[in-house]
PDB file of N, CA and C in Angstrom:
ATOM      1  N   UNK A   1      60.788 -21.401 -15.761  1.00  0.00           N
ATOM      2  CA  UNK A   1      60.525 -20.744 -14.507  1.00  0.00           C
ATOM      3  C   UNK A   1      60.812 -21.713 -13.361  1.00  0.00           C
ATOM      4  N   UNK A   2      61.471 -21.221 -12.324  1.00  0.00           N
ATOM      5  CA  UNK A   2      61.731 -22.031 -11.141  1.00  0.00           C
ATOM      6  C   UNK A   2      60.577 -21.878 -10.157  1.00  0.00           C
ATOM      7  N   UNK A   3      60.083 -22.988  -9.645  1.00  0.00           N
ATOM      8  CA  UNK A   3      59.026 -22.938  -8.650  1.00  0.00           C
ATOM      9  C   UNK A   3      59.634 -22.665  -7.282  1.00  0.00           C
ATOM     10  N   UNK A   4      59.005 -21.792  -6.543  1.00  0.00           N
ATOM     11  CA  UNK A   4      59.476 -21.442  -5.209  1.00  0.00           C
ATOM     12  C   UNK A   4      58.607 -22.161  -4.187  1.00  0.00           C
ATOM     13  N   UNK A   5      59.237 -22.926  -3.313  1.00  0.00           N
ATOM     14  CA  UNK A   5      58.496 -23.656  -2.295  1.00  0.00           C
ATOM     15  C   UNK A   5      58.502 -22.862  -0.996  1.00  0.00           C
ATOM     16  N   UNK A   6      57.330 -22.771  -0.368  1.00  0.00           N
ATOM     17  CA  UNK A   6      57.143 -21.983   0.844  1.00  0.00           C
ATOM     18  C   UNK A   6      56.392 -22.812   1.877  1.00  0.00           C
ATOM     19  N   UNK A   7      56.398 -22.320   3.118  1.00  0.00           N
ATOM     20  CA  UNK A   7      55.629 -22.966   4.188  1.00  0.00           C
ATOM     21  C   UNK A   7      54.964 -21.888   5.026  1.00  0.00           C
ATOM     22  N   UNK A   8      53.854 -22.253   5.645  1.00  0.00           N
ATOM     23  CA  UNK A   8      53.165 -21.391   6.608  1.00  0.00           C
ATOM     24  C   UNK A   8      52.776 -20.023   6.066  1.00  0.00           C
ATOM     25  N   UNK A   9      52.271 -19.989   4.853  1.00  0.00           N
ATOM     26  CA  UNK A   9      51.779 -18.736   4.271  1.00  0.00           C
ATOM     27  C   UNK A   9      50.352 -18.522   4.758  1.00  0.00           C
ATOM     28  N   UNK A  10      50.047 -17.317   5.197  1.00  0.00           N
ATOM     29  CA  UNK A  10      48.689 -16.987   5.646  1.00  0.00           C
ATOM     30  C   UNK A  10      47.898 -16.457   4.455  1.00  0.00           C
ATOM     31  N   UNK A  11      46.812 -17.145   4.141  1.00  0.00           N
ATOM     32  CA  UNK A  11      45.973 -16.751   3.010  1.00  0.00           C
ATOM     33  C   UNK A  11      44.714 -16.053   3.505  1.00  0.00           C
ATOM     34  N   UNK A  12      44.197 -15.142   2.685  1.00  0.00           N
ATOM     35  CA  UNK A  12      42.943 -14.463   2.988  1.00  0.00           C
ATOM     36  C   UNK A  12      41.746 -15.284   2.525  1.00  0.00           C
ATOM     37  N   UNK A  13      41.917 -16.029   1.431  1.00  0.00           N
ATOM     38  CA  UNK A  13      40.873 -16.902   0.884  1.00  0.00           C
ATOM     39  C   UNK A  13      41.535 -18.215   0.465  1.00  0.00           C
ATOM     40  N   UNK A  14      40.852 -19.335   0.736  1.00  0.00           N
ATOM     41  CA  UNK A  14      41.312 -20.641   0.273  1.00  0.00           C
ATOM     42  C   UNK A  14      40.272 -21.208  -0.676  1.00  0.00           C
ATOM     43  N   UNK A  15      40.745 -21.708  -1.809  1.00  0.00           N
ATOM     44  CA  UNK A  15      39.882 -22.348  -2.790  1.00  0.00           C
ATOM     45  C   UNK A  15      40.331 -23.797  -2.954  1.00  0.00           C
ATOM     46  N   UNK A  16      39.478 -24.729  -2.534  1.00  0.00           N
ATOM     47  CA  UNK A  16      39.793 -26.148  -2.610  1.00  0.00           C
ATOM     48  C   UNK A  16      39.202 -26.724  -3.894  1.00  0.00           C
ATOM     49  N   UNK A  17      40.082 -26.969  -4.856  1.00  0.00           N
ATOM     50  CA  UNK A  17      39.625 -27.547  -6.123  1.00  0.00           C
ATOM     51  C   UNK A  17      40.280 -28.912  -6.361  1.00  0.00           C
ATOM     52  N   UNK A  18      40.675 -29.575  -5.283  1.00  0.00           N
ATOM     53  CA  UNK A  18      41.228 -30.921  -5.383  1.00  0.00           C
ATOM     54  C   UNK A  18      40.160 -31.824  -6.001  1.00  0.00           C
ATOM     55  N   UNK A  19      40.563 -32.657  -6.915  1.00  0.00           N
ATOM     56  CA  UNK A  19      39.716 -33.593  -7.661  1.00  0.00           C
ATOM     57  C   UNK A  19      38.894 -32.934  -8.763  1.00  0.00           C
ATOM     58  N   UNK A  20      39.019 -31.640  -8.980  1.00  0.00           N
ATOM     59  CA  UNK A  20      38.298 -30.995 -10.084  1.00  0.00           C
ATOM     60  C   UNK A  20      39.135 -31.099 -11.353  1.00  0.00           C
ATOM     61  N   UNK A  21      38.466 -31.270 -12.457  1.00  0.00           N
ATOM     62  CA  UNK A  21      39.131 -31.419 -13.747  1.00  0.00           C
ATOM     63  C   UNK A  21      39.553 -30.070 -14.313  1.00  0.00           C
ATOM     64  N   UNK A  22      40.538 -30.104 -15.183  1.00  0.00           N
ATOM     65  CA  UNK A  22      40.966 -28.931 -15.930  1.00  0.00           C
ATOM     66  C   UNK A  22      39.777 -28.449 -16.773  1.00  0.00           C
ATOM     67  N   UNK A  23      39.489 -27.203 -16.893  1.00  0.00           N
ATOM     68  CA  UNK A  23      40.236 -25.990 -16.558  1.00  0.00           C
ATOM     69  C   UNK A  23      39.757 -25.321 -15.271  1.00  0.00           C
ATOM     70  N   UNK A  24      39.213 -26.077 -14.327  1.00  0.00           N
ATOM     71  CA  UNK A  24      38.662 -25.469 -13.115  1.00  0.00           C
ATOM     72  C   UNK A  24      39.699 -24.683 -12.325  1.00  0.00           C
ATOM     73  N   UNK A  25      40.956 -25.095 -12.370  1.00  0.00           N
ATOM     74  CA  UNK A  25      41.977 -24.376 -11.606  1.00  0.00           C
ATOM     75  C   UNK A  25      42.089 -22.929 -12.063  1.00  0.00           C
ATOM     76  N   UNK A  26      41.974 -22.674 -13.352  1.00  0.00           N
ATOM     77  CA  UNK A  26      42.047 -21.299 -13.848  1.00  0.00           C
ATOM     78  C   UNK A  26      40.729 -20.551 -13.668  1.00  0.00           C
ATOM     79  N   UNK A  27      39.615 -21.236 -13.833  1.00  0.00           N
ATOM     80  CA  UNK A  27      38.316 -20.587 -13.654  1.00  0.00           C
ATOM     81  C   UNK A  27      38.103 -20.170 -12.202  1.00  0.00           C
ATOM     82  N   UNK A  28      38.421 -21.042 -11.263  1.00  0.00           N
ATOM     83  CA  UNK A  28      38.284 -20.715  -9.842  1.00  0.00           C
ATOM     84  C   UNK A  28      39.291 -19.646  -9.425  1.00  0.00           C
ATOM     85  N   UNK A  29      40.465 -19.703  -9.989  1.00  0.00           N
ATOM     86  CA  UNK A  29      41.482 -18.696  -9.711  1.00  0.00           C
ATOM     87  C   UNK A  29      40.979 -17.310 -10.096  1.00  0.00           C
ATOM     88  N   UNK A  30      40.468 -17.174 -11.297  1.00  0.00           N
ATOM     89  CA  UNK A  30      39.915 -15.896 -11.766  1.00  0.00           C
ATOM     90  C   UNK A  30      38.766 -15.436 -10.872  1.00  0.00           C
ATOM     91  N   UNK A  31      37.871 -16.352 -10.539  1.00  0.00           N
ATOM     92  CA  UNK A  31      36.706 -16.032  -9.717  1.00  0.00           C
ATOM     93  C   UNK A  31      37.128 -15.492  -8.345  1.00  0.00           C
ATOM     94  N   UNK A  32      38.050 -16.167  -7.699  1.00  0.00           N
ATOM     95  CA  UNK A  32      38.458 -15.762  -6.353  1.00  0.00           C
ATOM     96  C   UNK A  32      39.323 -14.504  -6.356  1.00  0.00           C
ATOM     97  N   UNK A  33      40.103 -14.288  -7.387  1.00  0.00           N
ATOM     98  CA  UNK A  33      40.921 -13.085  -7.439  1.00  0.00           C
ATOM     99  C   UNK A  33      40.039 -11.841  -7.489  1.00  0.00           C
ATOM    100  N   UNK A  34      38.861 -11.962  -8.069  1.00  0.00           N
ATOM    101  CA  UNK A  34      37.917 -10.833  -8.109  1.00  0.00           C
ATOM    102  C   UNK A  34      37.395 -10.496  -6.718  1.00  0.00           C
ATOM    103  N   UNK A  35      37.375 -11.470  -5.812  1.00  0.00           N
ATOM    104  CA  UNK A  35      36.885 -11.263  -4.451  1.00  0.00           C
ATOM    105  C   UNK A  35      37.928 -10.593  -3.553  1.00  0.00           C
ATOM    106  N   UNK A  36      39.190 -10.678  -3.947  1.00  0.00           N
ATOM    107  CA  UNK A  36      40.271 -10.163  -3.110  1.00  0.00           C
ATOM    108  C   UNK A  36      40.519  -8.678  -3.342  1.00  0.00           C
ATOM    109  N   UNK A  37      40.977  -8.006  -2.295  1.00  0.00           N
ATOM    110  CA  UNK A  37      41.471  -6.637  -2.428  1.00  0.00           C
ATOM    111  C   UNK A  37      42.947  -6.716  -2.783  1.00  0.00           C
ATOM    112  N   UNK A  38      43.479  -5.641  -3.310  1.00  0.00           N
ATOM    113  CA  UNK A  38      44.897  -5.592  -3.642  1.00  0.00           C
ATOM    114  C   UNK A  38      45.726  -5.930  -2.416  1.00  0.00           C
ATOM    115  N   UNK A  39      46.726  -6.786  -2.612  1.00  0.00           N
ATOM    116  CA  UNK A  39      47.617  -7.173  -1.534  1.00  0.00           C
ATOM    117  C   UNK A  39      47.173  -8.408  -0.768  1.00  0.00           C
ATOM    118  N   UNK A  40      45.940  -8.860  -0.967  1.00  0.00           N
ATOM    119  CA  UNK A  40      45.476 -10.066  -0.286  1.00  0.00           C
ATOM    120  C   UNK A  40      45.963 -11.312  -1.022  1.00  0.00           C
ATOM    121  N   UNK A  41      45.966 -12.438  -0.288  1.00  0.00           N
ATOM    122  CA  UNK A  41      46.554 -13.678  -0.805  1.00  0.00           C
ATOM    123  C   UNK A  41      45.492 -14.766  -0.966  1.00  0.00           C
ATOM    124  N   UNK A  42      45.553 -15.442  -2.110  1.00  0.00           N
ATOM    125  CA  UNK A  42      44.696 -16.594  -2.397  1.00  0.00           C
ATOM    126  C   UNK A  42      45.527 -17.863  -2.247  1.00  0.00           C
ATOM    127  N   UNK A  43      44.957 -18.853  -1.565  1.00  0.00           N
ATOM    128  CA  UNK A  43      45.550 -20.184  -1.473  1.00  0.00           C
ATOM    129  C   UNK A  43      44.689 -21.110  -2.325  1.00  0.00           C
ATOM    130  N   UNK A  44      45.280 -21.689  -3.344  1.00  0.00           N
ATOM    131  CA  UNK A  44      44.565 -22.581  -4.250  1.00  0.00           C
ATOM    132  C   UNK A  44      45.055 -24.005  -3.993  1.00  0.00           C
ATOM    133  N   UNK A  45      44.148 -24.889  -3.587  1.00  0.00           N
ATOM    134  CA  UNK A  45      44.489 -26.289  -3.334  1.00  0.00           C
ATOM    135  C   UNK A  45      44.111 -27.110  -4.557  1.00  0.00           C
ATOM    136  N   UNK A  46      45.084 -27.783  -5.152  1.00  0.00           N
ATOM    137  CA  UNK A  46      44.822 -28.568  -6.355  1.00  0.00           C
ATOM    138  C   UNK A  46      45.738 -29.781  -6.416  1.00  0.00           C
ATOM    139  N   UNK A  47      45.235 -30.846  -7.016  1.00  0.00           N
ATOM    140  CA  UNK A  47      46.050 -32.030  -7.251  1.00  0.00           C
ATOM    141  C   UNK A  47      46.390 -32.170  -8.735  1.00  0.00           C
ATOM    142  N   UNK A  48      46.068 -31.149  -9.518  1.00  0.00           N
ATOM    143  CA  UNK A  48      46.291 -31.170 -10.960  1.00  0.00           C
ATOM    144  C   UNK A  48      47.715 -30.706 -11.268  1.00  0.00           C
ATOM    145  N   UNK A  49      48.555 -31.622 -11.761  1.00  0.00           N
ATOM    146  CA  UNK A  49      49.954 -31.294 -12.061  1.00  0.00           C
ATOM    147  C   UNK A  49      50.091 -30.185 -13.103  1.00  0.00           C
ATOM    148  N   UNK A  50      49.149 -30.107 -14.023  1.00  0.00           N
ATOM    149  CA  UNK A  50      49.194 -29.078 -15.057  1.00  0.00           C
ATOM    150  C   UNK A  50      49.103 -27.665 -14.496  1.00  0.00           C
ATOM    151  N   UNK A  51      48.562 -27.538 -13.289  1.00  0.00           N
ATOM    152  CA  UNK A  51      48.457 -26.220 -12.649  1.00  0.00           C
ATOM    153  C   UNK A  51      49.837 -25.634 -12.390  1.00  0.00           C
ATOM    154  N   UNK A  52      50.841 -26.480 -12.234  1.00  0.00           N
ATOM    155  CA  UNK A  52      52.199 -26.002 -11.980  1.00  0.00           C
ATOM    156  C   UNK A  52      52.777 -25.258 -13.174  1.00  0.00           C
ATOM    157  N   UNK A  53      52.215 -25.470 -14.349  1.00  0.00           N
ATOM    158  CA  UNK A  53      52.611 -24.717 -15.541  1.00  0.00           C
ATOM    159  C   UNK A  53      51.588 -23.629 -15.869  1.00  0.00           C
ATOM    160  N   UNK A  54      50.312 -23.957 -15.768  1.00  0.00           N
ATOM    161  CA  UNK A  54      49.256 -23.030 -16.166  1.00  0.00           C
ATOM    162  C   UNK A  54      49.169 -21.799 -15.266  1.00  0.00           C
ATOM    163  N   UNK A  55      49.266 -21.991 -13.970  1.00  0.00           N
ATOM    164  CA  UNK A  55      49.088 -20.868 -13.045  1.00  0.00           C
ATOM    165  C   UNK A  55      50.243 -19.874 -13.130  1.00  0.00           C
ATOM    166  N   UNK A  56      51.515 -20.311 -13.190  1.00  0.00           N
ATOM    167  CA  UNK A  56      52.572 -19.313 -13.395  1.00  0.00           C
ATOM    168  C   UNK A  56      52.405 -18.526 -14.693  1.00  0.00           C
ATOM    169  N   UNK A  57      51.958 -19.166 -15.750  1.00  0.00           N
ATOM    170  CA  UNK A  57      51.709 -18.447 -17.004  1.00  0.00           C
ATOM    171  C   UNK A  57      50.596 -17.418 -16.805  1.00  0.00           C
ATOM    172  N   UNK A  58      49.576 -17.777 -16.016  1.00  0.00           N
ATOM    173  CA  UNK A  58      48.462 -16.865 -15.754  1.00  0.00           C
ATOM    174  C   UNK A  58      48.926 -15.650 -14.973  1.00  0.00           C
ATOM    175  N   UNK A  59      49.684 -15.858 -13.858  1.00  0.00           N
ATOM    176  CA  UNK A  59      50.070 -14.697 -13.058  1.00  0.00           C
ATOM    177  C   UNK A  59      51.056 -13.806 -13.780  1.00  0.00           C
ATOM    178  N   UNK A  60      51.889 -14.360 -14.646  1.00  0.00           N
ATOM    179  CA  UNK A  60      52.781 -13.513 -15.455  1.00  0.00           C
ATOM    180  C   UNK A  60      51.969 -12.625 -16.396  1.00  0.00           C
ATOM    181  N   UNK A  61      50.919 -13.200 -16.968  1.00  0.00           N
ATOM    182  CA  UNK A  61      50.065 -12.470 -17.905  1.00  0.00           C
ATOM    183  C   UNK A  61      49.228 -11.398 -17.208  1.00  0.00           C
ATOM    184  N   UNK A  62      48.790 -11.664 -15.970  1.00  0.00           N
ATOM    185  CA  UNK A  62      47.867 -10.755 -15.288  1.00  0.00           C
ATOM    186  C   UNK A  62      48.548  -9.748 -14.383  1.00  0.00           C
ATOM    187  N   UNK A  63      49.830  -9.939 -14.089  1.00  0.00           N
ATOM    188  CA  UNK A  63      50.532  -8.999 -13.229  1.00  0.00           C
ATOM    189  C   UNK A  63      50.364  -9.265 -11.742  1.00  0.00           C
ATOM    190  N   UNK A  64      49.710 -10.365 -11.374  1.00  0.00           N
ATOM    191  CA  UNK A  64      49.598 -10.727  -9.965  1.00  0.00           C
ATOM    192  C   UNK A  64      50.910 -11.367  -9.520  1.00  0.00           C
ATOM    193  N   UNK A  65      51.105 -11.509  -8.213  1.00  0.00           N
ATOM    194  CA  UNK A  65      52.380 -11.989  -7.681  1.00  0.00           C
ATOM    195  C   UNK A  65      52.286 -13.431  -7.208  1.00  0.00           C
ATOM    196  N   UNK A  66      53.143 -14.272  -7.742  1.00  0.00           N
ATOM    197  CA  UNK A  66      53.257 -15.655  -7.298  1.00  0.00           C
ATOM    198  C   UNK A  66      54.107 -15.667  -6.035  1.00  0.00           C
ATOM    199  N   UNK A  67      53.542 -16.153  -4.934  1.00  0.00           N
ATOM    200  CA  UNK A  67      54.283 -16.223  -3.677  1.00  0.00           C
ATOM    201  C   UNK A  67      55.057 -17.533  -3.591  1.00  0.00           C
ATOM    202  N   UNK A  68      54.396 -18.643  -3.935  1.00  0.00           N
ATOM    203  CA  UNK A  68      55.074 -19.927  -3.914  1.00  0.00           C
ATOM    204  C   UNK A  68      54.111 -21.089  -3.793  1.00  0.00           C
ATOM    205  N   UNK A  69      54.693 -22.267  -3.658  1.00  0.00           N
ATOM    206  CA  UNK A  69      53.927 -23.513  -3.583  1.00  0.00           C
ATOM    207  C   UNK A  69      54.353 -24.267  -2.326  1.00  0.00           C
ATOM    208  N   UNK A  70      53.380 -24.846  -1.663  1.00  0.00           N
ATOM    209  CA  UNK A  70      53.630 -25.752  -0.542  1.00  0.00           C
ATOM    210  C   UNK A  70      53.045 -27.090  -0.971  1.00  0.00           C
ATOM    211  N   UNK A  71      53.830 -28.140  -0.906  1.00  0.00           N
ATOM    212  CA  UNK A  71      53.372 -29.448  -1.370  1.00  0.00           C
ATOM    213  C   UNK A  71      52.911 -30.292  -0.187  1.00  0.00           C
ATOM    214  N   UNK A  72      51.625 -30.579  -0.141  1.00  0.00           N
ATOM    215  CA  UNK A  72      51.064 -31.477   0.866  1.00  0.00           C
ATOM    216  C   UNK A  72      51.176 -32.911   0.341  1.00  0.00           C
ATOM    217  N   UNK A  73      50.691 -33.864   1.098  1.00  0.00           N
ATOM    218  CA  UNK A  73      50.832 -35.261   0.697  1.00  0.00           C
ATOM    219  C   UNK A  73      50.097 -35.579  -0.610  1.00  0.00           C
ATOM    220  N   UNK A  74      48.869 -35.072  -0.760  1.00  0.00           N
ATOM    221  CA  UNK A  74      48.048 -35.432  -1.921  1.00  0.00           C
ATOM    222  C   UNK A  74      47.709 -34.272  -2.849  1.00  0.00           C
ATOM    223  N   UNK A  75      48.203 -33.075  -2.550  1.00  0.00           N
ATOM    224  CA  UNK A  75      47.860 -31.918  -3.366  1.00  0.00           C
ATOM    225  C   UNK A  75      48.879 -30.803  -3.173  1.00  0.00           C
ATOM    226  N   UNK A  76      48.757 -29.789  -4.027  1.00  0.00           N
ATOM    227  CA  UNK A  76      49.600 -28.607  -3.946  1.00  0.00           C
ATOM    228  C   UNK A  76      48.799 -27.462  -3.344  1.00  0.00           C
ATOM    229  N   UNK A  77      49.481 -26.584  -2.621  1.00  0.00           N
ATOM    230  CA  UNK A  77      48.903 -25.327  -2.158  1.00  0.00           C
ATOM    231  C   UNK A  77      49.667 -24.235  -2.900  1.00  0.00           C
ATOM    232  N   UNK A  78      48.962 -23.520  -3.755  1.00  0.00           N
ATOM    233  CA  UNK A  78      49.586 -22.477  -4.568  1.00  0.00           C
ATOM    234  C   UNK A  78      49.125 -21.126  -4.033  1.00  0.00           C
ATOM    235  N   UNK A  79      50.066 -20.227  -3.781  1.00  0.00           N
ATOM    236  CA  UNK A  79      49.761 -18.931  -3.186  1.00  0.00           C
ATOM    237  C   UNK A  79      50.017 -17.809  -4.178  1.00  0.00           C
ATOM    238  N   UNK A  80      49.001 -16.952  -4.341  1.00  0.00           N
ATOM    239  CA  UNK A  80      49.087 -15.833  -5.261  1.00  0.00           C
ATOM    240  C   UNK A  80      48.578 -14.576  -4.560  1.00  0.00           C
ATOM    241  N   UNK A  81      49.339 -13.501  -4.678  1.00  0.00           N
ATOM    242  CA  UNK A  81      48.940 -12.222  -4.094  1.00  0.00           C
ATOM    243  C   UNK A  81      48.357 -11.335  -5.195  1.00  0.00           C
ATOM    244  N   UNK A  82      47.196 -10.765  -4.916  1.00  0.00           N
ATOM    245  CA  UNK A  82      46.562  -9.892  -5.890  1.00  0.00           C
ATOM    246  C   UNK A  82      47.389  -8.627  -6.036  1.00  0.00           C
ATOM    247  N   UNK A  83      47.594  -8.220  -7.264  1.00  0.00           N
ATOM    248  CA  UNK A  83      48.409  -7.041  -7.563  1.00  0.00           C
ATOM    249  C   UNK A  83      47.786  -5.779  -6.995  1.00  0.00           C
ATOM    250  N   UNK A  84      48.643  -4.889  -6.606  1.00  0.00           N
ATOM    251  CA  UNK A  84      48.179  -3.585  -6.151  1.00  0.00           C
ATOM    252  C   UNK A  84      47.666  -2.824  -7.361  1.00  0.00           C
ATOM    253  N   UNK A  85      46.621  -2.063  -7.146  1.00  0.00           N
ATOM    254  CA  UNK A  85      46.060  -1.268  -8.226  1.00  0.00           C
ATOM    255  C   UNK A  85      46.972  -0.084  -8.493  1.00  0.00           C
ATOM    256  N   UNK A  86      47.158   0.216  -9.758  1.00  0.00           N
ATOM    257  CA  UNK A  86      47.986   1.356 -10.110  1.00  0.00           C
ATOM    258  C   UNK A  86      47.108   2.558 -10.385  1.00  0.00           C
ATOM    259  N   UNK A  87      47.614   3.713 -10.093  1.00  0.00           N
ATOM    260  CA  UNK A  87      46.878   4.953 -10.332  1.00  0.00           C
ATOM    261  C   UNK A  87      47.267   5.457 -11.704  1.00  0.00           C
ATOM    262  N   UNK A  88      46.271   5.737 -12.542  1.00  0.00           N
ATOM    263  CA  UNK A  88      46.588   6.204 -13.896  1.00  0.00           C
ATOM    264  C   UNK A  88      46.278   7.654 -14.073  1.00  0.00           C
TER     265      UNK A  88
END
């Protein structure tokens, strides 16, 4: 998977998990996605390099949309849009 780099993305919720150990990036991601409405964006701040592999695998599995990554000096900002609910 190719990582898409973005700038100036407006997020609805920011989760700062810089300095937290694995698997906090996935646990916090799940927790905050439950707080969002469909179409809203989560900004996840992390310095964990493994998140660059784990989070894309997560959004592919869950159907949420990966917007991209912005790389700050000491951490990554990962943006994910909550999937729209489908009518069944």
